[in-house]
Amino acid sequence: MADFSHGGSIETAYLWAVAPDCVDLSRLPPEDAPRPHFAMGDNAYETDRRRGERVVASIAANLAAKGKALLEEYDRVQPTRKPLTFDEVEQVWEDEVRPRFADFKAMTELAEGQTPPSEDSIWYANWKVPKNRS
């Protein structure tokens, strides 16, 4: 059975296939070294670049086929709806999204022991429910 763990044989094979400079198997600790190893699956030693290349090629082919099918279906259906303008998107935000902010748990209360970001932080402006602009 395949192991899809982070940094395991399959994930390492994908990375090795698409960015070989990012994989250096000589840096793997000895197989009998105490575990766990940071960001390394137990079966990373079993990785295979050629397998990664085959899988990546298969994924790319499947995505290309799906993209082609979606474009063909779009051409067949010829939807009449136009993309929204920037102003229309802003109106959806004001009418539909902003009024629901108070329902977002992450926007209404800090986790226990958490403090808001300092006022000079880039995150400060968005740490709580914003006021309506109107």
C-alpha atoms as a PDB file:
ATOM      1  CA  MET A   1       0.000   0.000   0.000  1.00  0.00           C
ATOM      2  CA  ALA A   2       1.313   3.451  -0.900  1.00  0.00           C
ATOM      3  CA  ASP A   3       2.353   5.804   1.852  1.00  0.00           C
ATOM      4  CA  PHE A   4       1.460   9.399   1.095  1.00  0.00           C
ATOM      5  CA  SER A   5       3.051  10.790   4.258  1.00  0.00           C
ATOM      6  CA  HIS A   6       4.763  14.177   4.227  1.00  0.00           C
ATOM      7  CA  GLY A   7       8.267  13.692   2.905  1.00  0.00           C
ATOM      8  CA  GLY A   8       7.630  10.010   2.252  1.00  0.00           C
ATOM      9  CA  SER A   9       8.654   8.038  -0.815  1.00  0.00           C
ATOM     10  CA  ILE A  10       5.881   9.314  -3.070  1.00  0.00           C
ATOM     11  CA  GLU A  11       6.057  12.992  -2.123  1.00  0.00           C
ATOM     12  CA  THR A  12       9.845  12.879  -2.380  1.00  0.00           C
ATOM     13  CA  ALA A  13       9.584  11.216  -5.798  1.00  0.00           C
ATOM     14  CA  TYR A  14       7.264  14.005  -7.044  1.00  0.00           C
ATOM     15  CA  LEU A  15       9.628  16.689  -5.809  1.00  0.00           C
ATOM     16  CA  TRP A  16      12.654  14.857  -7.218  1.00  0.00           C
ATOM     17  CA  ALA A  17      10.922  14.713 -10.596  1.00  0.00           C
ATOM     18  CA  VAL A  18       9.960  18.389 -10.800  1.00  0.00           C
ATOM     19  CA  ALA A  19      12.762  20.036  -8.793  1.00  0.00           C
ATOM     20  CA  PRO A  20      15.720  17.652  -8.600  1.00  0.00           C
ATOM     21  CA  ASP A  21      17.955  20.287  -6.988  1.00  0.00           C
ATOM     22  CA  CYS A  22      15.650  20.187  -3.950  1.00  0.00           C
ATOM     23  CA  VAL A  23      16.243  16.504  -3.230  1.00  0.00           C
ATOM     24  CA  ASP A  24      19.520  15.340  -1.762  1.00  0.00           C
ATOM     25  CA  LEU A  25      19.230  11.741  -0.576  1.00  0.00           C
ATOM     26  CA  SER A  26      22.691  11.925   0.940  1.00  0.00           C
ATOM     27  CA  ARG A  27      21.143  14.083   3.663  1.00  0.00           C
ATOM     28  CA  LEU A  28      18.769  11.352   4.826  1.00  0.00           C
ATOM     29  CA  PRO A  29      19.729  10.155   8.294  1.00  0.00           C
ATOM     30  CA  PRO A  30      20.800   6.523   8.659  1.00  0.00           C
ATOM     31  CA  GLU A  31      17.787   4.207   8.455  1.00  0.00           C
ATOM     32  CA  ASP A  32      18.369   2.993  12.001  1.00  0.00           C
ATOM     33  CA  ALA A  33      18.532   6.548  13.458  1.00  0.00           C
ATOM     34  CA  PRO A  34      15.890   7.279  16.131  1.00  0.00           C
ATOM     35  CA  ARG A  35      12.640   8.639  14.705  1.00  0.00           C
ATOM     36  CA  PRO A  36      10.710  10.710  13.902  1.00  0.00           C
ATOM     37  CA  HIS A  37      12.759  12.807  11.509  1.00  0.00           C
ATOM     38  CA  PHE A  38      11.599  16.340  10.784  1.00  0.00           C
ATOM     39  CA  ALA A  39       9.502  16.516   7.591  1.00  0.00           C
ATOM     40  CA  MET A  40      10.545  13.059   6.460  1.00  0.00           C
ATOM     41  CA  GLY A  41       8.235  10.103   6.058  1.00  0.00           C
ATOM     42  CA  ASP A  42       9.385   6.719   7.314  1.00  0.00           C
ATOM     43  CA  ASN A  43       9.653   5.316   3.795  1.00  0.00           C
ATOM     44  CA  ALA A  44      11.561   8.216   2.184  1.00  0.00           C
ATOM     45  CA  TYR A  45      14.458   5.792   1.636  1.00  0.00           C
ATOM     46  CA  GLU A  46      12.284   3.948  -0.918  1.00  0.00           C
ATOM     47  CA  THR A  47      11.823   6.963  -3.195  1.00  0.00           C
ATOM     48  CA  ASP A  48      12.336   6.608  -6.935  1.00  0.00           C
ATOM     49  CA  ARG A  49      12.782   9.604  -9.238  1.00  0.00           C
ATOM     50  CA  ARG A  50      11.619   7.693 -12.318  1.00  0.00           C
ATOM     51  CA  ARG A  51       8.408   6.763 -10.522  1.00  0.00           C
ATOM     52  CA  GLY A  52       7.942  10.440  -9.654  1.00  0.00           C
ATOM     53  CA  GLU A  53       8.463  11.395 -13.294  1.00  0.00           C
ATOM     54  CA  ARG A  54       5.840   8.861 -14.417  1.00  0.00           C
ATOM     55  CA  VAL A  55       3.325  10.043 -11.833  1.00  0.00           C
ATOM     56  CA  VAL A  56       3.895  13.732 -12.604  1.00  0.00           C
ATOM     57  CA  ALA A  57       3.512  13.032 -16.344  1.00  0.00           C
ATOM     58  CA  SER A  58       0.282  11.158 -15.644  1.00  0.00           C
ATOM     59  CA  ILE A  59      -1.061  13.981 -13.472  1.00  0.00           C
ATOM     60  CA  ALA A  60      -0.166  16.544 -16.159  1.00  0.00           C
ATOM     61  CA  ALA A  61      -1.879  14.472 -18.853  1.00  0.00           C
ATOM     62  CA  ASN A  62      -5.001  14.065 -16.726  1.00  0.00           C
ATOM     63  CA  LEU A  63      -5.132  17.790 -15.954  1.00  0.00           C
ATOM     64  CA  ALA A  64      -4.679  18.627 -19.640  1.00  0.00           C
ATOM     65  CA  ALA A  65      -7.476  16.235 -20.610  1.00  0.00           C
ATOM     66  CA  LYS A  66      -9.781  17.655 -17.937  1.00  0.00           C
ATOM     67  CA  GLY A  67      -8.971  21.215 -19.008  1.00  0.00           C
ATOM     68  CA  LYS A  68      -9.720  20.333 -22.622  1.00  0.00           C
ATOM     69  CA  ALA A  69     -13.024  18.701 -21.642  1.00  0.00           C
ATOM     70  CA  LEU A  70     -14.021  21.728 -19.583  1.00  0.00           C
ATOM     71  CA  LEU A  71     -13.213  24.104 -22.439  1.00  0.00           C
ATOM     72  CA  GLU A  72     -15.182  21.938 -24.878  1.00  0.00           C
ATOM     73  CA  GLU A  73     -18.169  21.909 -22.501  1.00  0.00           C
ATOM     74  CA  TYR A  74     -17.917  25.683 -22.066  1.00  0.00           C
ATOM     75  CA  ASP A  75     -17.925  26.123 -25.851  1.00  0.00           C
ATOM     76  CA  ARG A  76     -20.893  23.758 -26.151  1.00  0.00           C
ATOM     77  CA  VAL A  77     -22.981  25.486 -23.492  1.00  0.00           C
ATOM     78  CA  GLN A  78     -21.959  29.042 -24.396  1.00  0.00           C
ATOM     79  CA  PRO A  79     -23.040  30.628 -21.123  1.00  0.00           C
ATOM     80  CA  THR A  80     -24.643  34.023 -21.447  1.00  0.00           C
ATOM     81  CA  ARG A  81     -23.553  35.248 -18.027  1.00  0.00           C
ATOM     82  CA  LYS A  82     -20.745  37.770 -18.171  1.00  0.00           C
ATOM     83  CA  PRO A  83     -18.009  37.979 -15.547  1.00  0.00           C
ATOM     84  CA  LEU A  84     -18.770  40.422 -12.752  1.00  0.00           C
ATOM     85  CA  THR A  85     -17.194  43.845 -12.861  1.00  0.00           C
ATOM     86  CA  PHE A  86     -14.984  45.036 -10.024  1.00  0.00           C
ATOM     87  CA  ASP A  87     -17.826  47.225  -8.726  1.00  0.00           C
ATOM     88  CA  GLU A  88     -20.246  44.282  -8.829  1.00  0.00           C
ATOM     89  CA  VAL A  89     -17.817  42.115  -6.875  1.00  0.00           C
ATOM     90  CA  GLU A  90     -17.438  44.901  -4.306  1.00  0.00           C
ATOM     91  CA  GLN A  91     -21.243  45.067  -3.987  1.00  0.00           C
ATOM     92  CA  VAL A  92     -21.459  41.306  -3.410  1.00  0.00           C
ATOM     93  CA  TRP A  93     -18.812  41.716  -0.712  1.00  0.00           C
ATOM     94  CA  GLU A  94     -20.786  44.475   1.009  1.00  0.00           C
ATOM     95  CA  ASP A  95     -24.201  42.793   0.656  1.00  0.00           C
ATOM     96  CA  GLU A  96     -23.335  39.136   1.218  1.00  0.00           C
ATOM     97  CA  VAL A  97     -19.935  38.680   2.869  1.00  0.00           C
ATOM     98  CA  ARG A  98     -19.401  41.610   5.226  1.00  0.00           C
ATOM     99  CA  PRO A  99     -22.770  41.170   7.014  1.00  0.00           C
ATOM    100  CA  ARG A 100     -21.754  37.602   7.908  1.00  0.00           C
ATOM    101  CA  PHE A 101     -18.418  38.534   9.507  1.00  0.00           C
ATOM    102  CA  ALA A 102     -19.929  38.458  12.979  1.00  0.00           C
ATOM    103  CA  ASP A 103     -20.812  34.794  12.409  1.00  0.00           C
ATOM    104  CA  PHE A 104     -17.181  33.897  11.710  1.00  0.00           C
ATOM    105  CA  LYS A 105     -15.842  32.473  14.960  1.00  0.00           C
ATOM    106  CA  ALA A 106     -12.289  33.394  14.001  1.00  0.00           C
ATOM    107  CA  MET A 107     -13.359  37.008  13.559  1.00  0.00           C
ATOM    108  CA  THR A 108     -15.246  37.407  16.839  1.00  0.00           C
ATOM    109  CA  GLU A 109     -13.051  36.065  19.586  1.00  0.00           C
ATOM    110  CA  LEU A 110      -9.417  35.419  20.271  1.00  0.00           C
ATOM    111  CA  ALA A 111      -8.276  31.965  21.176  1.00  0.00           C
ATOM    112  CA  GLU A 112      -7.606  31.501  24.858  1.00  0.00           C
ATOM    113  CA  GLY A 113      -4.376  33.210  25.823  1.00  0.00           C
ATOM    114  CA  GLN A 114      -3.995  34.877  22.432  1.00  0.00           C
ATOM    115  CA  THR A 115      -3.388  38.604  22.222  1.00  0.00           C
ATOM    116  CA  PRO A 116      -4.146  40.826  19.247  1.00  0.00           C
ATOM    117  CA  PRO A 117      -1.244  41.750  16.978  1.00  0.00           C
ATOM    118  CA  SER A 118       0.538  44.999  17.756  1.00  0.00           C
ATOM    119  CA  GLU A 119      -0.793  48.100  16.046  1.00  0.00           C
ATOM    120  CA  ASP A 120       2.299  48.319  13.844  1.00  0.00           C
ATOM    121  CA  SER A 121       1.772  44.771  12.543  1.00  0.00           C
ATOM    122  CA  ILE A 122       0.556  44.243   8.966  1.00  0.00           C
ATOM    123  CA  TRP A 123      -2.015  41.850  10.477  1.00  0.00           C
ATOM    124  CA  TYR A 124      -3.537  44.403  12.868  1.00  0.00           C
ATOM    125  CA  ALA A 125      -6.079  45.804  10.377  1.00  0.00           C
ATOM    126  CA  ASN A 126      -7.717  42.398   9.919  1.00  0.00           C
ATOM    127  CA  TRP A 127      -7.643  40.845  13.380  1.00  0.00           C
ATOM    128  CA  LYS A 128     -11.262  41.734  14.219  1.00  0.00           C
ATOM    129  CA  VAL A 129     -14.564  42.303  12.462  1.00  0.00           C
ATOM    130  CA  PRO A 130     -14.167  45.486  10.421  1.00  0.00           C
ATOM    131  CA  LYS A 131     -16.657  48.319  10.645  1.00  0.00           C
ATOM    132  CA  ASN A 132     -18.965  48.931   7.693  1.00  0.00           C
ATOM    133  CA  ARG A 133     -17.740  51.688   5.438  1.00  0.00           C
ATOM    134  CA  SER A 134     -21.215  53.143   4.989  1.00  0.00           C
END
